[in-house]
Amino acid sequence: MWWTLRYLWVVGVHASYALVILMAVVGLGIWTVTLNPGDLDSGLGMLLFVQMFLVSSGFAVRARRGHFDALLVRVPARWRVACAHLIVSATPGIAGWVVLAAAGAIVRSPAASSAIAGGRMAALLIVSLAAWAAGFMLPRGAAAVAWFAVLIGLLVERIDLLASWWTTAGAVTYVRHVITLLTCPFLLLGTHPPVAPGAELGAVVVAAVLVMVVLRMVKTLDIYLVDRT
């Protein structure tokens, strides 16, 4: 697995400019939370947006172009290569998130604990898993662009995603809130209406299931392999 991760990192899963933007966002986030410890969510929100594009790195398109032939020939289980691709895709954003959360903890930001183990961390996991799964068959960044367009559409229409469901009781509320958080994980940042108990965990689990479904699809992916080593 280590060789696979190293190979993918050397080949390059992300565009160089995306990593530069990530570093700029982390730096801006640290500066912002240092000036105002209560404003950690500004940096986390920007990073979550960047992570959406970083993780939507597109596996199938590059695999069909032969970028991963050396791996797919050497590693019989394709799902391991895809899993390593997910790890490499998500790692820079997760590292940036940890740095921001640590900076928030140092200055005693109220949101720091949630960013480490709470609803804010759930937002990061949802984006990291769902964006990779959605972009598996698409060119790099395409899934993130589509996701962003949906969010803009919801914003323009001023749809109140959570508040309109408060009065609905039971399993219906839970399912709707899980779907809502999958659609817009940004709702877990800042001040937001309360969600159904366990909805954050449910959304993370659904995103993880989507990844598992994609990993099962890898073995049937139509890729013409050539050993280029």
C-alpha atoms as a PDB file:
ATOM      1  CA  MET A   1       0.000   0.000   0.000  1.00  0.00           C
ATOM      2  CA  TRP A   2       2.828   2.403   0.830  1.00  0.00           C
ATOM      3  CA  TRP A   3       4.322   1.988  -2.656  1.00  0.00           C
ATOM      4  CA  THR A   4       0.914   2.636  -4.187  1.00  0.00           C
ATOM      5  CA  LEU A   5       0.404   5.810  -2.165  1.00  0.00           C
ATOM      6  CA  ARG A   6       3.875   7.044  -3.050  1.00  0.00           C
ATOM      7  CA  TYR A   7       3.342   6.351  -6.749  1.00  0.00           C
ATOM      8  CA  LEU A   8       0.056   8.248  -6.815  1.00  0.00           C
ATOM      9  CA  TRP A   9       1.581  11.171  -4.974  1.00  0.00           C
ATOM     10  CA  VAL A  10       4.503  11.349  -7.423  1.00  0.00           C
ATOM     11  CA  VAL A  11       2.254  11.009 -10.475  1.00  0.00           C
ATOM     12  CA  GLY A  12       0.130  13.821  -9.102  1.00  0.00           C
ATOM     13  CA  VAL A  13      -3.548  13.525  -8.315  1.00  0.00           C
ATOM     14  CA  HIS A  14      -4.130  17.251  -7.824  1.00  0.00           C
ATOM     15  CA  ALA A  15      -3.469  20.245 -10.002  1.00  0.00           C
ATOM     16  CA  SER A  16      -0.547  22.302  -8.696  1.00  0.00           C
ATOM     17  CA  TYR A  17      -2.610  25.476  -8.497  1.00  0.00           C
ATOM     18  CA  ALA A  18      -5.177  23.689  -6.296  1.00  0.00           C
ATOM     19  CA  LEU A  19      -2.502  22.913  -3.702  1.00  0.00           C
ATOM     20  CA  VAL A  20      -1.324  26.530  -3.826  1.00  0.00           C
ATOM     21  CA  ILE A  21      -4.896  27.690  -3.213  1.00  0.00           C
ATOM     22  CA  LEU A  22      -5.166  25.242  -0.328  1.00  0.00           C
ATOM     23  CA  MET A  23      -2.046  26.644   1.326  1.00  0.00           C
ATOM     24  CA  ALA A  24      -3.324  30.191   0.832  1.00  0.00           C
ATOM     25  CA  VAL A  25      -6.669  29.272   2.412  1.00  0.00           C
ATOM     26  CA  VAL A  26      -4.962  27.646   5.392  1.00  0.00           C
ATOM     27  CA  GLY A  27      -2.749  30.693   5.862  1.00  0.00           C
ATOM     28  CA  LEU A  28      -5.729  33.046   5.619  1.00  0.00           C
ATOM     29  CA  GLY A  29      -7.700  30.878   8.011  1.00  0.00           C
ATOM     30  CA  ILE A  30      -4.904  30.933  10.608  1.00  0.00           C
ATOM     31  CA  TRP A  31      -4.635  34.708  10.310  1.00  0.00           C
ATOM     32  CA  THR A  32      -8.407  35.137  10.666  1.00  0.00           C
ATOM     33  CA  VAL A  33      -8.768  32.904  13.725  1.00  0.00           C
ATOM     34  CA  THR A  34      -5.762  34.574  15.335  1.00  0.00           C
ATOM     35  CA  LEU A  35      -7.446  37.961  15.005  1.00  0.00           C
ATOM     36  CA  ASN A  36     -10.826  36.608  16.080  1.00  0.00           C
ATOM     37  CA  PRO A  37     -10.936  33.199  17.809  1.00  0.00           C
ATOM     38  CA  GLY A  38     -14.686  33.058  17.272  1.00  0.00           C
ATOM     39  CA  ASP A  39     -14.289  33.164  13.495  1.00  0.00           C
ATOM     40  CA  LEU A  40     -12.772  29.724  12.902  1.00  0.00           C
ATOM     41  CA  ASP A  41     -15.693  28.732  10.671  1.00  0.00           C
ATOM     42  CA  SER A  42     -14.645  31.251   8.011  1.00  0.00           C
ATOM     43  CA  GLY A  43     -11.407  29.367   7.417  1.00  0.00           C
ATOM     44  CA  LEU A  44     -13.062  25.966   7.727  1.00  0.00           C
ATOM     45  CA  GLY A  45     -15.737  26.940   5.210  1.00  0.00           C
ATOM     46  CA  MET A  46     -13.164  28.067   2.656  1.00  0.00           C
ATOM     47  CA  LEU A  47     -11.157  24.903   3.185  1.00  0.00           C
ATOM     48  CA  LEU A  48     -14.258  22.730   2.848  1.00  0.00           C
ATOM     49  CA  PHE A  49     -14.957  24.363  -0.507  1.00  0.00           C
ATOM     50  CA  VAL A  50     -11.391  23.743  -1.690  1.00  0.00           C
ATOM     51  CA  GLN A  51     -11.570  20.149  -0.442  1.00  0.00           C
ATOM     52  CA  MET A  52     -14.621  19.595  -2.614  1.00  0.00           C
ATOM     53  CA  PHE A  53     -12.460  20.233  -5.681  1.00  0.00           C
ATOM     54  CA  LEU A  54      -9.335  18.478  -4.389  1.00  0.00           C
ATOM     55  CA  VAL A  55     -11.150  15.208  -3.705  1.00  0.00           C
ATOM     56  CA  SER A  56     -13.107  15.318  -6.959  1.00  0.00           C
ATOM     57  CA  SER A  57      -9.927  14.128  -8.649  1.00  0.00           C
ATOM     58  CA  GLY A  58     -11.420  11.698 -11.176  1.00  0.00           C
ATOM     59  CA  PHE A  59     -10.024   8.158 -11.134  1.00  0.00           C
ATOM     60  CA  ALA A  60     -11.537   6.455 -14.186  1.00  0.00           C
ATOM     61  CA  VAL A  61     -10.606   9.091 -16.779  1.00  0.00           C
ATOM     62  CA  ARG A  62      -6.934   9.099 -15.840  1.00  0.00           C
ATOM     63  CA  ALA A  63      -6.870   5.320 -15.462  1.00  0.00           C
ATOM     64  CA  ARG A  64      -8.163   4.919 -19.026  1.00  0.00           C
ATOM     65  CA  ARG A  65      -5.447   7.274 -20.239  1.00  0.00           C
ATOM     66  CA  GLY A  66      -2.825   4.932 -18.797  1.00  0.00           C
ATOM     67  CA  HIS A  67      -1.696   7.109 -15.894  1.00  0.00           C
ATOM     68  CA  PHE A  68      -2.140   4.268 -13.406  1.00  0.00           C
ATOM     69  CA  ASP A  69      -1.169   1.298 -15.594  1.00  0.00           C
ATOM     70  CA  ALA A  70       1.981   0.568 -13.595  1.00  0.00           C
ATOM     71  CA  LEU A  71      -0.151   0.255 -10.475  1.00  0.00           C
ATOM     72  CA  LEU A  72      -3.063  -1.650 -11.984  1.00  0.00           C
ATOM     73  CA  VAL A  73      -0.701  -4.197 -13.552  1.00  0.00           C
ATOM     74  CA  ARG A  74       1.287  -4.688 -10.364  1.00  0.00           C
ATOM     75  CA  VAL A  75      -1.630  -4.672  -7.880  1.00  0.00           C
ATOM     76  CA  PRO A  76      -4.201  -7.382  -8.748  1.00  0.00           C
ATOM     77  CA  ALA A  77      -6.925  -5.895  -6.523  1.00  0.00           C
ATOM     78  CA  ARG A  78      -7.990  -2.731  -8.289  1.00  0.00           C
ATOM     79  CA  TRP A  79     -10.020  -1.578  -5.315  1.00  0.00           C
ATOM     80  CA  ARG A  80      -6.781  -1.132  -3.376  1.00  0.00           C
ATOM     81  CA  VAL A  81      -5.493   1.261  -6.007  1.00  0.00           C
ATOM     82  CA  ALA A  82      -8.779   3.161  -5.938  1.00  0.00           C
ATOM     83  CA  CYS A  83      -8.706   3.264  -2.147  1.00  0.00           C
ATOM     84  CA  ALA A  84      -5.165   4.643  -2.229  1.00  0.00           C
ATOM     85  CA  HIS A  85      -6.354   7.203  -4.780  1.00  0.00           C
ATOM     86  CA  LEU A  86      -9.041   8.335  -2.333  1.00  0.00           C
ATOM     87  CA  ILE A  87      -6.498   8.643   0.485  1.00  0.00           C
ATOM     88  CA  VAL A  88      -4.084  10.696  -1.617  1.00  0.00           C
ATOM     89  CA  SER A  89      -6.921  12.851  -2.925  1.00  0.00           C
ATOM     90  CA  ALA A  90      -8.240  13.673   0.548  1.00  0.00           C
ATOM     91  CA  THR A  91      -4.983  13.954   2.507  1.00  0.00           C
ATOM     92  CA  PRO A  92      -3.952  17.549   1.649  1.00  0.00           C
ATOM     93  CA  GLY A  93      -7.344  18.968   2.595  1.00  0.00           C
ATOM     94  CA  ILE A  94      -7.523  16.909   5.775  1.00  0.00           C
ATOM     95  CA  ALA A  95      -4.013  18.053   6.727  1.00  0.00           C
ATOM     96  CA  GLY A  96      -5.022  21.667   6.167  1.00  0.00           C
ATOM     97  CA  TRP A  97      -8.143  21.121   8.261  1.00  0.00           C
ATOM     98  CA  VAL A  98      -6.088  19.671  11.135  1.00  0.00           C
ATOM     99  CA  VAL A  99      -3.748  22.678  11.007  1.00  0.00           C
ATOM    100  CA  LEU A 100      -6.686  25.090  11.154  1.00  0.00           C
ATOM    101  CA  ALA A 101      -8.348  23.142  13.969  1.00  0.00           C
ATOM    102  CA  ALA A 102      -5.068  23.120  15.911  1.00  0.00           C
ATOM    103  CA  ALA A 103      -4.694  26.870  15.408  1.00  0.00           C
ATOM    104  CA  GLY A 104      -8.240  27.306  16.671  1.00  0.00           C
ATOM    105  CA  ALA A 105      -7.505  25.162  19.718  1.00  0.00           C
ATOM    106  CA  ILE A 106      -4.390  27.197  20.517  1.00  0.00           C
ATOM    107  CA  VAL A 107      -6.351  30.451  20.534  1.00  0.00           C
ATOM    108  CA  ARG A 108      -9.248  28.696  22.321  1.00  0.00           C
ATOM    109  CA  SER A 109     -11.806  29.028  19.567  1.00  0.00           C
ATOM    110  CA  PRO A 110     -15.219  27.666  20.623  1.00  0.00           C
ATOM    111  CA  ALA A 111     -15.495  25.756  17.328  1.00  0.00           C
ATOM    112  CA  ALA A 112     -12.150  23.957  17.616  1.00  0.00           C
ATOM    113  CA  SER A 113     -13.458  20.901  19.469  1.00  0.00           C
ATOM    114  CA  SER A 114     -16.221  20.361  16.901  1.00  0.00           C
ATOM    115  CA  ALA A 115     -13.673  20.670  14.103  1.00  0.00           C
ATOM    116  CA  ILE A 116     -11.635  17.870  15.666  1.00  0.00           C
ATOM    117  CA  ALA A 117     -14.455  15.531  16.718  1.00  0.00           C
ATOM    118  CA  GLY A 118     -17.957  16.789  16.045  1.00  0.00           C
ATOM    119  CA  GLY A 119     -20.331  18.153  13.459  1.00  0.00           C
ATOM    120  CA  ARG A 120     -17.682  20.191  11.674  1.00  0.00           C
ATOM    121  CA  MET A 121     -15.452  17.151  11.274  1.00  0.00           C
ATOM    122  CA  ALA A 122     -18.501  15.286   9.952  1.00  0.00           C
ATOM    123  CA  ALA A 123     -18.829  17.966   7.258  1.00  0.00           C
ATOM    124  CA  LEU A 124     -15.224  17.345   6.184  1.00  0.00           C
ATOM    125  CA  LEU A 125     -15.758  13.579   6.036  1.00  0.00           C
ATOM    126  CA  ILE A 126     -18.979  13.954   4.028  1.00  0.00           C
ATOM    127  CA  VAL A 127     -17.294  16.187   1.449  1.00  0.00           C
ATOM    128  CA  SER A 128     -14.164  14.038   1.263  1.00  0.00           C
ATOM    129  CA  LEU A 129     -16.066  10.789   0.693  1.00  0.00           C
ATOM    130  CA  ALA A 130     -19.006  11.991  -1.393  1.00  0.00           C
ATOM    131  CA  ALA A 131     -17.004  14.220  -3.741  1.00  0.00           C
ATOM    132  CA  TRP A 132     -14.554  11.411  -4.524  1.00  0.00           C
ATOM    133  CA  ALA A 133     -17.344   8.906  -5.157  1.00  0.00           C
ATOM    134  CA  ALA A 134     -19.321  11.353  -7.299  1.00  0.00           C
ATOM    135  CA  GLY A 135     -16.251  12.253  -9.343  1.00  0.00           C
ATOM    136  CA  PHE A 136     -14.951   8.717  -9.817  1.00  0.00           C
ATOM    137  CA  MET A 137     -16.107   8.433 -13.454  1.00  0.00           C
ATOM    138  CA  LEU A 138     -15.775  12.147 -14.298  1.00  0.00           C
ATOM    139  CA  PRO A 139     -12.901  14.431 -15.276  1.00  0.00           C
ATOM    140  CA  ARG A 140     -11.031  16.127 -12.467  1.00  0.00           C
ATOM    141  CA  GLY A 141     -13.145  18.765 -10.741  1.00  0.00           C
ATOM    142  CA  ALA A 142     -16.334  18.026 -12.690  1.00  0.00           C
ATOM    143  CA  ALA A 143     -18.228  16.594  -9.717  1.00  0.00           C
ATOM    144  CA  ALA A 144     -17.259  19.579  -7.573  1.00  0.00           C
ATOM    145  CA  VAL A 145     -18.488  22.010 -10.219  1.00  0.00           C
ATOM    146  CA  ALA A 146     -21.824  20.175 -10.446  1.00  0.00           C
ATOM    147  CA  TRP A 147     -22.141  20.060  -6.650  1.00  0.00           C
ATOM    148  CA  PHE A 148     -21.335  23.770  -6.392  1.00  0.00           C
ATOM    149  CA  ALA A 149     -23.965  24.551  -9.040  1.00  0.00           C
ATOM    150  CA  VAL A 150     -26.582  22.695  -6.977  1.00  0.00           C
ATOM    151  CA  LEU A 151     -25.635  24.674  -3.872  1.00  0.00           C
ATOM    152  CA  ILE A 152     -25.833  27.951  -5.788  1.00  0.00           C
ATOM    153  CA  GLY A 153     -29.261  26.952  -7.079  1.00  0.00           C
ATOM    154  CA  LEU A 154     -30.469  26.249  -3.542  1.00  0.00           C
ATOM    155  CA  LEU A 155     -29.058  29.580  -2.384  1.00  0.00           C
ATOM    156  CA  VAL A 156     -30.701  31.526  -5.219  1.00  0.00           C
ATOM    157  CA  GLU A 157     -34.046  29.874  -4.521  1.00  0.00           C
ATOM    158  CA  ARG A 158     -33.550  30.608  -0.807  1.00  0.00           C
ATOM    159  CA  ILE A 159     -34.675  27.139   0.164  1.00  0.00           C
ATOM    160  CA  ASP A 160     -34.634  26.623   3.934  1.00  0.00           C
ATOM    161  CA  LEU A 161     -33.202  23.114   4.006  1.00  0.00           C
ATOM    162  CA  LEU A 162     -33.586  22.344   7.704  1.00  0.00           C
ATOM    163  CA  ALA A 163     -36.105  24.645   9.321  1.00  0.00           C
ATOM    164  CA  SER A 164     -39.040  23.579   7.132  1.00  0.00           C
ATOM    165  CA  TRP A 165     -38.738  20.027   8.488  1.00  0.00           C
ATOM    166  CA  TRP A 166     -38.698  20.767  12.198  1.00  0.00           C
ATOM    167  CA  THR A 167     -42.361  19.917  12.638  1.00  0.00           C
ATOM    168  CA  THR A 168     -42.031  16.490  11.009  1.00  0.00           C
ATOM    169  CA  ALA A 169     -41.428  13.780  13.554  1.00  0.00           C
ATOM    170  CA  GLY A 170     -39.760  10.392  13.554  1.00  0.00           C
ATOM    171  CA  ALA A 171     -37.819   8.614  10.840  1.00  0.00           C
ATOM    172  CA  VAL A 172     -38.959  11.005   8.105  1.00  0.00           C
ATOM    173  CA  THR A 173     -37.158  13.908   9.755  1.00  0.00           C
ATOM    174  CA  TYR A 174     -34.019  11.832  10.222  1.00  0.00           C
ATOM    175  CA  VAL A 175     -33.887  10.700   6.581  1.00  0.00           C
ATOM    176  CA  ARG A 176     -34.553  14.204   5.287  1.00  0.00           C
ATOM    177  CA  HIS A 177     -31.844  15.693   7.467  1.00  0.00           C
ATOM    178  CA  VAL A 178     -29.348  13.047   6.351  1.00  0.00           C
ATOM    179  CA  ILE A 179     -30.129  13.872   2.709  1.00  0.00           C
ATOM    180  CA  THR A 180     -29.868  17.581   3.478  1.00  0.00           C
ATOM    181  CA  LEU A 181     -26.442  17.220   5.085  1.00  0.00           C
ATOM    182  CA  LEU A 182     -25.238  15.109   2.174  1.00  0.00           C
ATOM    183  CA  THR A 183     -26.375  17.837  -0.195  1.00  0.00           C
ATOM    184  CA  CYS A 184     -25.059  20.761   1.842  1.00  0.00           C
ATOM    185  CA  PRO A 185     -22.510  19.784   4.515  1.00  0.00           C
ATOM    186  CA  PHE A 186     -21.738  23.493   4.946  1.00  0.00           C
ATOM    187  CA  LEU A 187     -24.830  23.637   7.163  1.00  0.00           C
ATOM    188  CA  LEU A 188     -22.751  21.991   9.880  1.00  0.00           C
ATOM    189  CA  LEU A 189     -20.526  25.077  10.081  1.00  0.00           C
ATOM    190  CA  GLY A 190     -21.451  28.177  12.009  1.00  0.00           C
ATOM    191  CA  THR A 191     -24.839  28.677  13.622  1.00  0.00           C
ATOM    192  CA  HIS A 192     -27.511  26.492  12.065  1.00  0.00           C
ATOM    193  CA  PRO A 193     -30.908  25.068  12.990  1.00  0.00           C
ATOM    194  CA  PRO A 194     -30.713  21.833  14.993  1.00  0.00           C
ATOM    195  CA  VAL A 195     -30.608  18.620  13.005  1.00  0.00           C
ATOM    196  CA  ALA A 196     -32.153  15.288  13.890  1.00  0.00           C
ATOM    197  CA  PRO A 197     -30.072  13.376  16.477  1.00  0.00           C
ATOM    198  CA  GLY A 198     -27.495  11.231  14.703  1.00  0.00           C
ATOM    199  CA  ALA A 199     -28.081  12.837  11.293  1.00  0.00           C
ATOM    200  CA  GLU A 200     -24.434  13.876  11.011  1.00  0.00           C
ATOM    201  CA  LEU A 201     -23.272  10.305  11.597  1.00  0.00           C
ATOM    202  CA  GLY A 202     -25.940   9.009   9.223  1.00  0.00           C
ATOM    203  CA  ALA A 203     -24.728  11.313   6.454  1.00  0.00           C
ATOM    204  CA  VAL A 204     -21.126  10.176   6.971  1.00  0.00           C
ATOM    205  CA  VAL A 205     -22.211   6.530   6.846  1.00  0.00           C
ATOM    206  CA  VAL A 206     -24.161   7.064   3.612  1.00  0.00           C
ATOM    207  CA  ALA A 207     -21.149   8.813   2.046  1.00  0.00           C
ATOM    208  CA  ALA A 208     -18.941   5.883   3.128  1.00  0.00           C
ATOM    209  CA  VAL A 209     -21.412   3.427   1.599  1.00  0.00           C
ATOM    210  CA  LEU A 210     -21.238   5.355  -1.679  1.00  0.00           C
ATOM    211  CA  VAL A 211     -17.459   4.953  -1.622  1.00  0.00           C
ATOM    212  CA  MET A 212     -17.792   1.214  -0.986  1.00  0.00           C
ATOM    213  CA  VAL A 213     -20.181   0.882  -3.935  1.00  0.00           C
ATOM    214  CA  VAL A 214     -17.683   2.674  -6.156  1.00  0.00           C
ATOM    215  CA  LEU A 215     -14.842   0.456  -4.941  1.00  0.00           C
ATOM    216  CA  ARG A 216     -16.860  -2.607  -5.912  1.00  0.00           C
ATOM    217  CA  MET A 217     -17.341  -1.120  -9.384  1.00  0.00           C
ATOM    218  CA  VAL A 218     -13.597  -0.779  -9.949  1.00  0.00           C
ATOM    219  CA  LYS A 219     -13.091  -4.437 -10.856  1.00  0.00           C
ATOM    220  CA  THR A 220     -15.548  -4.101 -13.760  1.00  0.00           C
ATOM    221  CA  LEU A 221     -14.090  -0.825 -15.013  1.00  0.00           C
ATOM    222  CA  ASP A 222     -13.129  -1.017 -18.694  1.00  0.00           C
ATOM    223  CA  ILE A 223      -9.406  -0.201 -18.698  1.00  0.00           C
ATOM    224  CA  TYR A 224      -6.912  -1.361 -21.318  1.00  0.00           C
ATOM    225  CA  LEU A 225      -3.770  -2.071 -19.351  1.00  0.00           C
ATOM    226  CA  VAL A 226      -0.245  -1.783 -20.707  1.00  0.00           C
ATOM    227  CA  ASP A 227       2.760  -2.457 -18.519  1.00  0.00           C
ATOM    228  CA  ARG A 228       4.804   0.720 -18.982  1.00  0.00           C
ATOM    229  CA  THR A 229       7.506  -0.101 -16.424  1.00  0.00           C
END
